[in-house]
mmCIF file of all heavy atoms, coordinates in Angstrom:
data_MODEL
# 
_entry.id   MODEL 
# 
loop_
_atom_site.group_PDB 
_atom_site.id 
_atom_site.type_symbol 
_atom_site.label_atom_id 
_atom_site.label_alt_id 
_atom_site.label_comp_id 
_atom_site.label_asym_id 
_atom_site.label_entity_id 
_atom_site.label_seq_id 
_atom_site.pdbx_PDB_ins_code 
_atom_site.Cartn_x 
_atom_site.Cartn_y 
_atom_site.Cartn_z 
_atom_site.occupancy 
_atom_site.B_iso_or_equiv 
_atom_site.pdbx_formal_charge 
_atom_site.auth_seq_id 
_atom_site.auth_comp_id 
_atom_site.auth_asym_id 
_atom_site.auth_atom_id 
_atom_site.pdbx_PDB_model_num 
ATOM 1   N N   . THR A 1 1  ? 14.836 -9.417  3.911  1.00 0.00 ? 1  THR A N   1 
ATOM 2   C CA  . THR A 1 1  ? 14.969 -9.115  2.485  1.00 0.00 ? 1  THR A CA  1 
ATOM 3   C C   . THR A 1 1  ? 14.284 -7.812  2.118  1.00 0.00 ? 1  THR A C   1 
ATOM 4   O O   . THR A 1 1  ? 14.415 -7.342  0.990  1.00 0.00 ? 1  THR A O   1 
ATOM 5   C CB  . THR A 1 1  ? 14.360 -10.248 1.636  1.00 0.00 ? 1  THR A CB  1 
ATOM 6   O OG1 . THR A 1 1  ? 13.021 -10.493 2.079  1.00 0.00 ? 1  THR A OG1 1 
ATOM 7   C CG2 . THR A 1 1  ? 15.168 -11.524 1.774  1.00 0.00 ? 1  THR A CG2 1 
ATOM 8   N N   . GLU A 1 2  ? 13.535 -7.253  3.055  1.00 0.00 ? 2  GLU A N   1 
ATOM 9   C CA  . GLU A 1 2  ? 12.856 -5.988  2.788  1.00 0.00 ? 2  GLU A CA  1 
ATOM 10  C C   . GLU A 1 2  ? 12.987 -5.086  3.998  1.00 0.00 ? 2  GLU A C   1 
ATOM 11  O O   . GLU A 1 2  ? 13.309 -5.543  5.094  1.00 0.00 ? 2  GLU A O   1 
ATOM 12  C CB  . GLU A 1 2  ? 11.371 -6.221  2.481  1.00 0.00 ? 2  GLU A CB  1 
ATOM 13  C CG  . GLU A 1 2  ? 10.582 -6.772  3.663  1.00 0.00 ? 2  GLU A CG  1 
ATOM 14  C CD  . GLU A 1 2  ? 9.098  -6.895  3.387  1.00 0.00 ? 2  GLU A CD  1 
ATOM 15  O OE1 . GLU A 1 2  ? 8.714  -6.925  2.218  1.00 0.00 ? 2  GLU A OE1 1 
ATOM 16  O OE2 . GLU A 1 2  ? 8.325  -6.965  4.354  1.00 0.00 ? 2  GLU A OE2 1 
ATOM 17  N N   . GLY A 1 3  ? 12.744 -3.815  3.785  1.00 0.00 ? 3  GLY A N   1 
ATOM 18  C CA  . GLY A 1 3  ? 12.800 -2.875  4.887  1.00 0.00 ? 3  GLY A CA  1 
ATOM 19  C C   . GLY A 1 3  ? 11.749 -3.194  5.935  1.00 0.00 ? 3  GLY A C   1 
ATOM 20  O O   . GLY A 1 3  ? 10.590 -3.434  5.615  1.00 0.00 ? 3  GLY A O   1 
ATOM 21  N N   . THR A 1 4  ? 12.150 -3.213  7.186  1.00 0.00 ? 4  THR A N   1 
ATOM 22  C CA  . THR A 1 4  ? 11.237 -3.497  8.278  1.00 0.00 ? 4  THR A CA  1 
ATOM 23  C C   . THR A 1 4  ? 10.574 -2.202  8.723  1.00 0.00 ? 4  THR A C   1 
ATOM 24  O O   . THR A 1 4  ? 11.251 -1.212  9.019  1.00 0.00 ? 4  THR A O   1 
ATOM 25  C CB  . THR A 1 4  ? 11.988 -4.135  9.459  1.00 0.00 ? 4  THR A CB  1 
ATOM 26  O OG1 . THR A 1 4  ? 12.608 -5.346  9.010  1.00 0.00 ? 4  THR A OG1 1 
ATOM 27  C CG2 . THR A 1 4  ? 11.041 -4.452  10.597 1.00 0.00 ? 4  THR A CG2 1 
ATOM 28  N N   . ILE A 1 5  ? 9.235  -2.185  8.755  1.00 0.00 ? 5  ILE A N   1 
ATOM 29  C CA  . ILE A 1 5  ? 8.480  -1.006  9.156  1.00 0.00 ? 5  ILE A CA  1 
ATOM 30  C C   . ILE A 1 5  ? 8.298  -1.081  10.663 1.00 0.00 ? 5  ILE A C   1 
ATOM 31  O O   . ILE A 1 5  ? 7.485  -1.856  11.176 1.00 0.00 ? 5  ILE A O   1 
ATOM 32  C CB  . ILE A 1 5  ? 7.114  -0.947  8.446  1.00 0.00 ? 5  ILE A CB  1 
ATOM 33  C CG1 . ILE A 1 5  ? 7.302  -1.108  6.924  1.00 0.00 ? 5  ILE A CG1 1 
ATOM 34  C CG2 . ILE A 1 5  ? 6.391  0.356   8.756  1.00 0.00 ? 5  ILE A CG2 1 
ATOM 35  C CD1 . ILE A 1 5  ? 6.003  -1.287  6.167  1.00 0.00 ? 5  ILE A CD1 1 
ATOM 36  N N   . LEU A 1 6  ? 9.061  -0.279  11.391 1.00 0.00 ? 6  LEU A N   1 
ATOM 37  C CA  . LEU A 1 6  ? 9.109  -0.417  12.843 1.00 0.00 ? 6  LEU A CA  1 
ATOM 38  C C   . LEU A 1 6  ? 7.750  -0.185  13.502 1.00 0.00 ? 6  LEU A C   1 
ATOM 39  O O   . LEU A 1 6  ? 7.440  -0.807  14.525 1.00 0.00 ? 6  LEU A O   1 
ATOM 40  C CB  . LEU A 1 6  ? 10.154 0.545   13.418 1.00 0.00 ? 6  LEU A CB  1 
ATOM 41  C CG  . LEU A 1 6  ? 11.601 0.277   12.976 1.00 0.00 ? 6  LEU A CG  1 
ATOM 42  C CD1 . LEU A 1 6  ? 12.538 1.296   13.610 1.00 0.00 ? 6  LEU A CD1 1 
ATOM 43  C CD2 . LEU A 1 6  ? 12.036 -1.137  13.337 1.00 0.00 ? 6  LEU A CD2 1 
ATOM 44  N N   . GLU A 1 7  ? 6.916  0.673   12.905 1.00 0.00 ? 7  GLU A N   1 
ATOM 45  C CA  . GLU A 1 7  ? 5.623  0.945   13.528 1.00 0.00 ? 7  GLU A CA  1 
ATOM 46  C C   . GLU A 1 7  ? 4.665  -0.243  13.403 1.00 0.00 ? 7  GLU A C   1 
ATOM 47  O O   . GLU A 1 7  ? 3.617  -0.273  14.062 1.00 0.00 ? 7  GLU A O   1 
ATOM 48  C CB  . GLU A 1 7  ? 4.974  2.199   12.923 1.00 0.00 ? 7  GLU A CB  1 
ATOM 49  C CG  . GLU A 1 7  ? 4.780  2.163   11.430 1.00 0.00 ? 7  GLU A CG  1 
ATOM 50  C CD  . GLU A 1 7  ? 5.951  2.810   10.680 1.00 0.00 ? 7  GLU A CD  1 
ATOM 51  O OE1 . GLU A 1 7  ? 7.084  2.802   11.192 1.00 0.00 ? 7  GLU A OE1 1 
ATOM 52  O OE2 . GLU A 1 7  ? 5.702  3.312   9.570  1.00 0.00 ? 7  GLU A OE2 1 
ATOM 53  N N   . ARG A 1 8  ? 5.008  -1.232  12.565 1.00 0.00 ? 8  ARG A N   1 
ATOM 54  C CA  . ARG A 1 8  ? 4.155  -2.412  12.454 1.00 0.00 ? 8  ARG A CA  1 
ATOM 55  C C   . ARG A 1 8  ? 4.483  -3.457  13.520 1.00 0.00 ? 8  ARG A C   1 
ATOM 56  O O   . ARG A 1 8  ? 3.741  -4.424  13.672 1.00 0.00 ? 8  ARG A O   1 
ATOM 57  C CB  . ARG A 1 8  ? 4.319  -3.049  11.059 1.00 0.00 ? 8  ARG A CB  1 
ATOM 58  C CG  . ARG A 1 8  ? 3.750  -2.214  9.933  1.00 0.00 ? 8  ARG A CG  1 
ATOM 59  C CD  . ARG A 1 8  ? 3.819  -2.934  8.613  1.00 0.00 ? 8  ARG A CD  1 
ATOM 60  N NE  . ARG A 1 8  ? 3.026  -4.167  8.637  1.00 0.00 ? 8  ARG A NE  1 
ATOM 61  C CZ  . ARG A 1 8  ? 3.013  -5.030  7.634  1.00 0.00 ? 8  ARG A CZ  1 
ATOM 62  N NH1 . ARG A 1 8  ? 3.750  -4.814  6.558  1.00 0.00 ? 8  ARG A NH1 1 
ATOM 63  N NH2 . ARG A 1 8  ? 2.270  -6.130  7.705  1.00 0.00 ? 8  ARG A NH2 1 
ATOM 64  N N   . ILE A 1 9  ? 5.571  -3.256  14.268 1.00 0.00 ? 9  ILE A N   1 
ATOM 65  C CA  . ILE A 1 9  ? 5.977  -4.261  15.246 1.00 0.00 ? 9  ILE A CA  1 
ATOM 66  C C   . ILE A 1 9  ? 5.210  -4.170  16.565 1.00 0.00 ? 9  ILE A C   1 
ATOM 67  O O   . ILE A 1 9  ? 4.797  -5.206  17.114 1.00 0.00 ? 9  ILE A O   1 
ATOM 68  C CB  . ILE A 1 9  ? 7.499  -4.186  15.483 1.00 0.00 ? 9  ILE A CB  1 
ATOM 69  C CG1 . ILE A 1 9  ? 8.244  -4.564  14.179 1.00 0.00 ? 9  ILE A CG1 1 
ATOM 70  C CG2 . ILE A 1 9  ? 7.922  -5.093  16.618 1.00 0.00 ? 9  ILE A CG2 1 
ATOM 71  C CD1 . ILE A 1 9  ? 9.737  -4.506  14.294 1.00 0.00 ? 9  ILE A CD1 1 
ATOM 72  N N   . PRO A 1 10 ? 4.971  -2.958  17.144 1.00 0.00 ? 10 PRO A N   1 
ATOM 73  C CA  . PRO A 1 10 ? 4.307  -2.902  18.458 1.00 0.00 ? 10 PRO A CA  1 
ATOM 74  C C   . PRO A 1 10 ? 2.988  -3.663  18.568 1.00 0.00 ? 10 PRO A C   1 
ATOM 75  O O   . PRO A 1 10 ? 2.791  -4.390  19.550 1.00 0.00 ? 10 PRO A O   1 
ATOM 76  C CB  . PRO A 1 10 ? 4.131  -1.399  18.685 1.00 0.00 ? 10 PRO A CB  1 
ATOM 77  C CG  . PRO A 1 10 ? 5.285  -0.788  17.956 1.00 0.00 ? 10 PRO A CG  1 
ATOM 78  C CD  . PRO A 1 10 ? 5.443  -1.622  16.716 1.00 0.00 ? 10 PRO A CD  1 
ATOM 79  N N   . PRO A 1 11 ? 2.042  -3.552  17.594 1.00 0.00 ? 11 PRO A N   1 
ATOM 80  C CA  . PRO A 1 11 ? 0.808  -4.335  17.764 1.00 0.00 ? 11 PRO A CA  1 
ATOM 81  C C   . PRO A 1 11 ? 1.052  -5.838  17.730 1.00 0.00 ? 11 PRO A C   1 
ATOM 82  O O   . PRO A 1 11 ? 0.356  -6.602  18.412 1.00 0.00 ? 11 PRO A O   1 
ATOM 83  C CB  . PRO A 1 11 ? -0.070 -3.888  16.580 1.00 0.00 ? 11 PRO A CB  1 
ATOM 84  C CG  . PRO A 1 11 ? 0.864  -3.243  15.614 1.00 0.00 ? 11 PRO A CG  1 
ATOM 85  C CD  . PRO A 1 11 ? 1.970  -2.668  16.411 1.00 0.00 ? 11 PRO A CD  1 
ATOM 86  N N   . ARG A 1 12 ? 2.040  -6.270  16.981 1.00 0.00 ? 12 ARG A N   1 
ATOM 87  C CA  . ARG A 1 12 ? 2.379  -7.699  16.941 1.00 0.00 ? 12 ARG A CA  1 
ATOM 88  C C   . ARG A 1 12 ? 3.017  -8.138  18.257 1.00 0.00 ? 12 ARG A C   1 
ATOM 89  O O   . ARG A 1 12 ? 2.828  -9.272  18.695 1.00 0.00 ? 12 ARG A O   1 
ATOM 90  C CB  . ARG A 1 12 ? 3.309  -7.974  15.758 1.00 0.00 ? 12 ARG A CB  1 
ATOM 91  C CG  . ARG A 1 12 ? 2.646  -7.750  14.407 1.00 0.00 ? 12 ARG A CG  1 
ATOM 92  C CD  . ARG A 1 12 ? 3.687  -7.724  13.293 1.00 0.00 ? 12 ARG A CD  1 
ATOM 93  N NE  . ARG A 1 12 ? 3.072  -7.441  12.008 1.00 0.00 ? 12 ARG A NE  1 
ATOM 94  C CZ  . ARG A 1 12 ? 2.933  -8.339  11.019 1.00 0.00 ? 12 ARG A CZ  1 
ATOM 95  N NH1 . ARG A 1 12 ? 3.349  -9.569  11.216 1.00 0.00 ? 12 ARG A NH1 1 
ATOM 96  N NH2 . ARG A 1 12 ? 2.376  -7.999  9.878  1.00 0.00 ? 12 ARG A NH2 1 
ATOM 97  N N   . ILE A 1 13 ? 3.793  -7.229  18.862 1.00 0.00 ? 13 ILE A N   1 
ATOM 98  C CA  . ILE A 1 13 ? 4.380  -7.546  20.167 1.00 0.00 ? 13 ILE A CA  1 
ATOM 99  C C   . ILE A 1 13 ? 3.280  -7.771  21.196 1.00 0.00 ? 13 ILE A C   1 
ATOM 100 O O   . ILE A 1 13 ? 3.357  -8.691  22.021 1.00 0.00 ? 13 ILE A O   1 
ATOM 101 C CB  . ILE A 1 13 ? 5.336  -6.425  20.613 1.00 0.00 ? 13 ILE A CB  1 
ATOM 102 C CG1 . ILE A 1 13 ? 6.626  -6.463  19.762 1.00 0.00 ? 13 ILE A CG1 1 
ATOM 103 C CG2 . ILE A 1 13 ? 5.667  -6.548  22.094 1.00 0.00 ? 13 ILE A CG2 1 
ATOM 104 C CD1 . ILE A 1 13 ? 7.605  -5.361  20.078 1.00 0.00 ? 13 ILE A CD1 1 
ATOM 105 N N   . ARG A 1 14 ? 2.245  -6.960  21.152 1.00 0.00 ? 14 ARG A N   1 
ATOM 106 C CA  . ARG A 1 14 ? 1.131  -7.111  22.102 1.00 0.00 ? 14 ARG A CA  1 
ATOM 107 C C   . ARG A 1 14 ? 0.486  -8.488  21.969 1.00 0.00 ? 14 ARG A C   1 
ATOM 108 O O   . ARG A 1 14 ? 0.047  -9.080  22.963 1.00 0.00 ? 14 ARG A O   1 
ATOM 109 C CB  . ARG A 1 14 ? 0.090  -6.028  21.849 1.00 0.00 ? 14 ARG A CB  1 
ATOM 110 C CG  . ARG A 1 14 ? 0.554  -4.618  22.196 1.00 0.00 ? 14 ARG A CG  1 
ATOM 111 C CD  . ARG A 1 14 ? -0.474 -3.603  21.770 1.00 0.00 ? 14 ARG A CD  1 
ATOM 112 N NE  . ARG A 1 14 ? -1.758 -3.816  22.434 1.00 0.00 ? 14 ARG A NE  1 
ATOM 113 C CZ  . ARG A 1 14 ? -2.895 -3.241  22.029 1.00 0.00 ? 14 ARG A CZ  1 
ATOM 114 N NH1 . ARG A 1 14 ? -2.891 -2.444  20.956 1.00 0.00 ? 14 ARG A NH1 1 
ATOM 115 N NH2 . ARG A 1 14 ? -4.006 -3.467  22.681 1.00 0.00 ? 14 ARG A NH2 1 
ATOM 116 N N   . ILE A 1 15 ? 0.435  -9.003  20.743 1.00 0.00 ? 15 ILE A N   1 
ATOM 117 C CA  . ILE A 1 15 ? -0.186 -10.307 20.509 1.00 0.00 ? 15 ILE A CA  1 
ATOM 118 C C   . ILE A 1 15 ? 0.710  -11.439 21.000 1.00 0.00 ? 15 ILE A C   1 
ATOM 119 O O   . ILE A 1 15 ? 0.258  -12.391 21.623 1.00 0.00 ? 15 ILE A O   1 
ATOM 120 C CB  . ILE A 1 15 ? -0.490 -10.478 19.003 1.00 0.00 ? 15 ILE A CB  1 
ATOM 121 C CG1 . ILE A 1 15 ? -1.516 -9.433  18.555 1.00 0.00 ? 15 ILE A CG1 1 
ATOM 122 C CG2 . ILE A 1 15 ? -0.980 -11.885 18.702 1.00 0.00 ? 15 ILE A CG2 1 
ATOM 123 C CD1 . ILE A 1 15 ? -1.671 -9.322  17.062 1.00 0.00 ? 15 ILE A CD1 1 
ATOM 124 N N   . ARG A 1 16 ? 2.007  -11.336 20.755 1.00 0.00 ? 16 ARG A N   1 
ATOM 125 C CA  . ARG A 1 16 ? 2.932  -12.438 21.042 1.00 0.00 ? 16 ARG A CA  1 
ATOM 126 C C   . ARG A 1 16 ? 3.484  -12.419 22.464 1.00 0.00 ? 16 ARG A C   1 
ATOM 127 O O   . ARG A 1 16 ? 3.816  -13.465 23.022 1.00 0.00 ? 16 ARG A O   1 
ATOM 128 C CB  . ARG A 1 16 ? 4.098  -12.400 20.038 1.00 0.00 ? 16 ARG A CB  1 
ATOM 129 C CG  . ARG A 1 16 ? 5.108  -13.547 20.202 1.00 0.00 ? 16 ARG A CG  1 
ATOM 130 C CD  . ARG A 1 16 ? 6.269  -13.393 19.231 1.00 0.00 ? 16 ARG A CD  1 
ATOM 131 N NE  . ARG A 1 16 ? 7.300  -14.381 19.470 1.00 0.00 ? 16 ARG A NE  1 
ATOM 132 C CZ  . ARG A 1 16 ? 7.464  -15.488 18.772 1.00 0.00 ? 16 ARG A CZ  1 
ATOM 133 N NH1 . ARG A 1 16 ? 6.642  -15.769 17.776 1.00 0.00 ? 16 ARG A NH1 1 
ATOM 134 N NH2 . ARG A 1 16 ? 8.450  -16.335 19.058 1.00 0.00 ? 16 ARG A NH2 1 
ATOM 135 N N   . LYS A 1 17 ? 3.580  -11.240 23.075 1.00 0.00 ? 17 LYS A N   1 
ATOM 136 C CA  . LYS A 1 17 ? 4.367  -11.081 24.296 1.00 0.00 ? 17 LYS A CA  1 
ATOM 137 C C   . LYS A 1 17 ? 3.954  -12.040 25.402 1.00 0.00 ? 17 LYS A C   1 
ATOM 138 O O   . LYS A 1 17 ? 4.798  -12.645 26.065 1.00 0.00 ? 17 LYS A O   1 
ATOM 139 C CB  . LYS A 1 17 ? 4.287  -9.633  24.787 1.00 0.00 ? 17 LYS A CB  1 
ATOM 140 C CG  . LYS A 1 17 ? 5.242  -9.343  25.931 1.00 0.00 ? 17 LYS A CG  1 
ATOM 141 C CD  . LYS A 1 17 ? 5.309  -7.863  26.233 1.00 0.00 ? 17 LYS A CD  1 
ATOM 142 C CE  . LYS A 1 17 ? 6.340  -7.573  27.315 1.00 0.00 ? 17 LYS A CE  1 
ATOM 143 N NZ  . LYS A 1 17 ? 6.431  -6.130  27.622 1.00 0.00 ? 17 LYS A NZ  1 
ATOM 144 N N   . ASP A 1 18 ? 2.673  -12.175 25.680 1.00 0.00 ? 18 ASP A N   1 
ATOM 145 C CA  . ASP A 1 18 ? 2.213  -13.047 26.757 1.00 0.00 ? 18 ASP A CA  1 
ATOM 146 C C   . ASP A 1 18 ? 1.633  -14.354 26.240 1.00 0.00 ? 18 ASP A C   1 
ATOM 147 O O   . ASP A 1 18 ? 1.017  -15.108 27.003 1.00 0.00 ? 18 ASP A O   1 
ATOM 148 C CB  . ASP A 1 18 ? 1.174  -12.323 27.604 1.00 0.00 ? 18 ASP A CB  1 
ATOM 149 C CG  . ASP A 1 18 ? 1.777  -11.125 28.341 1.00 0.00 ? 18 ASP A CG  1 
ATOM 150 O OD1 . ASP A 1 18 ? 2.918  -11.257 28.826 1.00 0.00 ? 18 ASP A OD1 1 
ATOM 151 O OD2 . ASP A 1 18 ? 1.116  -10.072 28.409 1.00 0.00 ? 18 ASP A OD2 1 
ATOM 152 N N   . ALA A 1 19 ? 1.822  -14.620 24.946 1.00 0.00 ? 19 ALA A N   1 
ATOM 153 C CA  . ALA A 1 19 ? 1.271  -15.842 24.358 1.00 0.00 ? 19 ALA A CA  1 
ATOM 154 C C   . ALA A 1 19 ? 2.129  -17.046 24.755 1.00 0.00 ? 19 ALA A C   1 
ATOM 155 O O   . ALA A 1 19 ? 3.357  -16.980 24.694 1.00 0.00 ? 19 ALA A O   1 
ATOM 156 C CB  . ALA A 1 19 ? 1.223  -15.716 22.843 1.00 0.00 ? 19 ALA A CB  1 
ATOM 157 N N   . PRO A 1 20 ? 1.507  -18.172 25.130 1.00 0.00 ? 20 PRO A N   1 
ATOM 158 C CA  . PRO A 1 20 ? 2.293  -19.365 25.452 1.00 0.00 ? 20 PRO A CA  1 
ATOM 159 C C   . PRO A 1 20 ? 2.761  -20.130 24.233 1.00 0.00 ? 20 PRO A C   1 
ATOM 160 O O   . PRO A 1 20 ? 3.647  -20.987 24.334 1.00 0.00 ? 20 PRO A O   1 
ATOM 161 C CB  . PRO A 1 20 ? 1.309  -20.204 26.278 1.00 0.00 ? 20 PRO A CB  1 
ATOM 162 C CG  . PRO A 1 20 ? -0.041 -19.797 25.787 1.00 0.00 ? 20 PRO A CG  1 
ATOM 163 C CD  . PRO A 1 20 ? 0.075  -18.342 25.433 1.00 0.00 ? 20 PRO A CD  1 
ATOM 164 N N   . LEU A 1 21 ? 2.169  -19.839 23.066 1.00 0.00 ? 21 LEU A N   1 
ATOM 165 C CA  . LEU A 1 21 ? 2.497  -20.564 21.842 1.00 0.00 ? 21 LEU A CA  1 
ATOM 166 C C   . LEU A 1 21 ? 2.862  -19.596 20.723 1.00 0.00 ? 21 LEU A C   1 
ATOM 167 O O   . LEU A 1 21 ? 2.441  -18.437 20.722 1.00 0.00 ? 21 LEU A O   1 
ATOM 168 C CB  . LEU A 1 21 ? 1.301  -21.398 21.373 1.00 0.00 ? 21 LEU A CB  1 
ATOM 169 C CG  . LEU A 1 21 ? 0.791  -22.523 22.267 1.00 0.00 ? 21 LEU A CG  1 
ATOM 170 C CD1 . LEU A 1 21 ? -0.486 -23.105 21.676 1.00 0.00 ? 21 LEU A CD1 1 
ATOM 171 C CD2 . LEU A 1 21 ? 1.849  -23.596 22.440 1.00 0.00 ? 21 LEU A CD2 1 
ATOM 172 N N   . GLU A 1 22 ? 3.615  -20.106 19.761 1.00 0.00 ? 22 GLU A N   1 
ATOM 173 C CA  . GLU A 1 22 ? 3.779  -19.408 18.490 1.00 0.00 ? 22 GLU A CA  1 
ATOM 174 C C   . GLU A 1 22 ? 3.204  -20.283 17.388 1.00 0.00 ? 22 GLU A C   1 
ATOM 175 O O   . GLU A 1 22 ? 3.291  -21.516 17.433 1.00 0.00 ? 22 GLU A O   1 
ATOM 176 C CB  . GLU A 1 22 ? 5.250  -19.085 18.202 1.00 0.00 ? 22 GLU A CB  1 
ATOM 177 C CG  . GLU A 1 22 ? 6.152  -20.295 18.011 1.00 0.00 ? 22 GLU A CG  1 
ATOM 178 C CD  . GLU A 1 22 ? 7.562  -19.898 17.596 1.00 0.00 ? 22 GLU A CD  1 
ATOM 179 O OE1 . GLU A 1 22 ? 7.813  -18.699 17.410 1.00 0.00 ? 22 GLU A OE1 1 
ATOM 180 O OE2 . GLU A 1 22 ? 8.408  -20.810 17.452 1.00 0.00 ? 22 GLU A OE2 1 
ATOM 181 N N   . LEU A 1 23 ? 2.567  -19.641 16.425 1.00 0.00 ? 23 LEU A N   1 
ATOM 182 C CA  . LEU A 1 23 ? 2.023  -20.304 15.246 1.00 0.00 ? 23 LEU A CA  1 
ATOM 183 C C   . LEU A 1 23 ? 2.679  -19.627 14.046 1.00 0.00 ? 23 LEU A C   1 
ATOM 184 O O   . LEU A 1 23 ? 2.394  -18.472 13.751 1.00 0.00 ? 23 LEU A O   1 
ATOM 185 C CB  . LEU A 1 23 ? 0.508  -20.131 15.146 1.00 0.00 ? 23 LEU A CB  1 
ATOM 186 C CG  . LEU A 1 23 ? -0.381 -20.742 16.216 1.00 0.00 ? 23 LEU A CG  1 
ATOM 187 C CD1 . LEU A 1 23 ? -0.355 -19.940 17.501 1.00 0.00 ? 23 LEU A CD1 1 
ATOM 188 C CD2 . LEU A 1 23 ? -1.813 -20.820 15.694 1.00 0.00 ? 23 LEU A CD2 1 
ATOM 189 N N   . PRO A 1 24 ? 3.569  -20.293 13.345 1.00 0.00 ? 24 PRO A N   1 
ATOM 190 C CA  . PRO A 1 24 ? 4.308  -19.592 12.293 1.00 0.00 ? 24 PRO A CA  1 
ATOM 191 C C   . PRO A 1 24 ? 3.599  -19.592 10.942 1.00 0.00 ? 24 PRO A C   1 
ATOM 192 O O   . PRO A 1 24 ? 3.006  -20.579 10.521 1.00 0.00 ? 24 PRO A O   1 
ATOM 193 C CB  . PRO A 1 24 ? 5.606  -20.404 12.205 1.00 0.00 ? 24 PRO A CB  1 
ATOM 194 C CG  . PRO A 1 24 ? 5.179  -21.798 12.563 1.00 0.00 ? 24 PRO A CG  1 
ATOM 195 C CD  . PRO A 1 24 ? 4.096  -21.638 13.599 1.00 0.00 ? 24 PRO A CD  1 
ATOM 196 N N   . HIS A 1 25 ? 3.637  -18.427 10.296 1.00 0.00 ? 25 HIS A N   1 
ATOM 197 C CA  . HIS A 1 25 ? 3.353  -18.385 8.860  1.00 0.00 ? 25 HIS A CA  1 
ATOM 198 C C   . HIS A 1 25 ? 4.609  -17.919 8.123  1.00 0.00 ? 25 HIS A C   1 
ATOM 199 O O   . HIS A 1 25 ? 4.552  -17.533 6.956  1.00 0.00 ? 25 HIS A O   1 
ATOM 200 C CB  . HIS A 1 25 ? 2.165  -17.454 8.560  1.00 0.00 ? 25 HIS A CB  1 
ATOM 201 C CG  . HIS A 1 25 ? 2.434  -15.995 8.760  1.00 0.00 ? 25 HIS A CG  1 
ATOM 202 N ND1 . HIS A 1 25 ? 2.073  -15.313 9.898  1.00 0.00 ? 25 HIS A ND1 1 
ATOM 203 C CD2 . HIS A 1 25 ? 3.030  -15.078 7.971  1.00 0.00 ? 25 HIS A CD2 1 
ATOM 204 C CE1 . HIS A 1 25 ? 2.419  -14.049 9.792  1.00 0.00 ? 25 HIS A CE1 1 
ATOM 205 N NE2 . HIS A 1 25 ? 3.012  -13.874 8.627  1.00 0.00 ? 25 HIS A NE2 1 
ATOM 206 N N   . ILE A 1 26 ? 5.752  -18.005 8.791  1.00 0.00 ? 26 ILE A N   1 
ATOM 207 C CA  . ILE A 1 26 ? 7.012  -17.480 8.273  1.00 0.00 ? 26 ILE A CA  1 
ATOM 208 C C   . ILE A 1 26 ? 7.642  -18.472 7.294  1.00 0.00 ? 26 ILE A C   1 
ATOM 209 O O   . ILE A 1 26 ? 7.806  -19.655 7.608  1.00 0.00 ? 26 ILE A O   1 
ATOM 210 C CB  . ILE A 1 26 ? 7.993  -17.191 9.431  1.00 0.00 ? 26 ILE A CB  1 
ATOM 211 C CG1 . ILE A 1 26 ? 7.390  -16.185 10.406 1.00 0.00 ? 26 ILE A CG1 1 
ATOM 212 C CG2 . ILE A 1 26 ? 9.335  -16.710 8.898  1.00 0.00 ? 26 ILE A CG2 1 
ATOM 213 C CD1 . ILE A 1 26 ? 8.164  -16.056 11.705 1.00 0.00 ? 26 ILE A CD1 1 
# 
């Protein structure tokens, strides 16, 4: 619903990429 700021994705990828779990606040 809003413009996605691509530069905000890489640090989040680092957090999620090797994580065995997801915890949603979505």
